[in-house]
Amino acid sequence: MSLSSVDRYLIGYMTGFTIFFLAVPYILYVIASLFDFHLLDHWARYIVAVPLLVLGLIFAVWSNISLVREGRDGPTDLFNVAISPRTRHLVVTGPYRYTRNPMVFGAFCCYFALSIYLNSLVDLIALAILFVAVRFYLEETEERRLWKDFGKEYEEYRRQVPMIVPLATGTRKNRES
């Protein structure tokens, strides 16, 4: 029996929610509770963590809305397996004009905010390692698929917009805000 697009969207969003908003934060919490290397005092943690969390949530939600509206389908693709229907149009507007992976940027902002709130140096180190692994995954799977799907249009976009961190140096050329 074949799944409908609605079923695939639901499965995709439930998978993404489970991984990115339940599993990873839980793992960070467990790591923080196992090790006791603290960084900041009480108020400094809030001053740093809250803006990072808000920024991360904005990018995560905004990017999902942009993909559905502009790309005409969903974001959930894991190891070149389309869980939700893949986008039919390359999205280069909204948060995608700042970073090619605004969901990843948003998620990492949230994870760093949680790690800072938990006051965990070990979490921050684990996130730095995870960031490198995610960057490698994006280069090896998602970027190759997008180049295959969108060709020169994607290559031009790739040259102009940073992979994950907005305003990263050396990538933005002649872009209008």
Foldseek 3Di string as FASTA:
>chain_A
DDDDLVRLVVQQVVVCCCVLVPVLLVVLVVVLVVDDDFDDDQVVLCVQLVVLLVQLVCLQVFVQVQCCVVQVWGDRADQNRRSHDHGLDQGCDDCNVFAVCSNVLSSLSNQVSSNSNSRHPVSVVVSVVVVVVVVVVCVVGVLVVCCVNPPPVSVVSPQAYHHHGGPDPDRHDPDDD
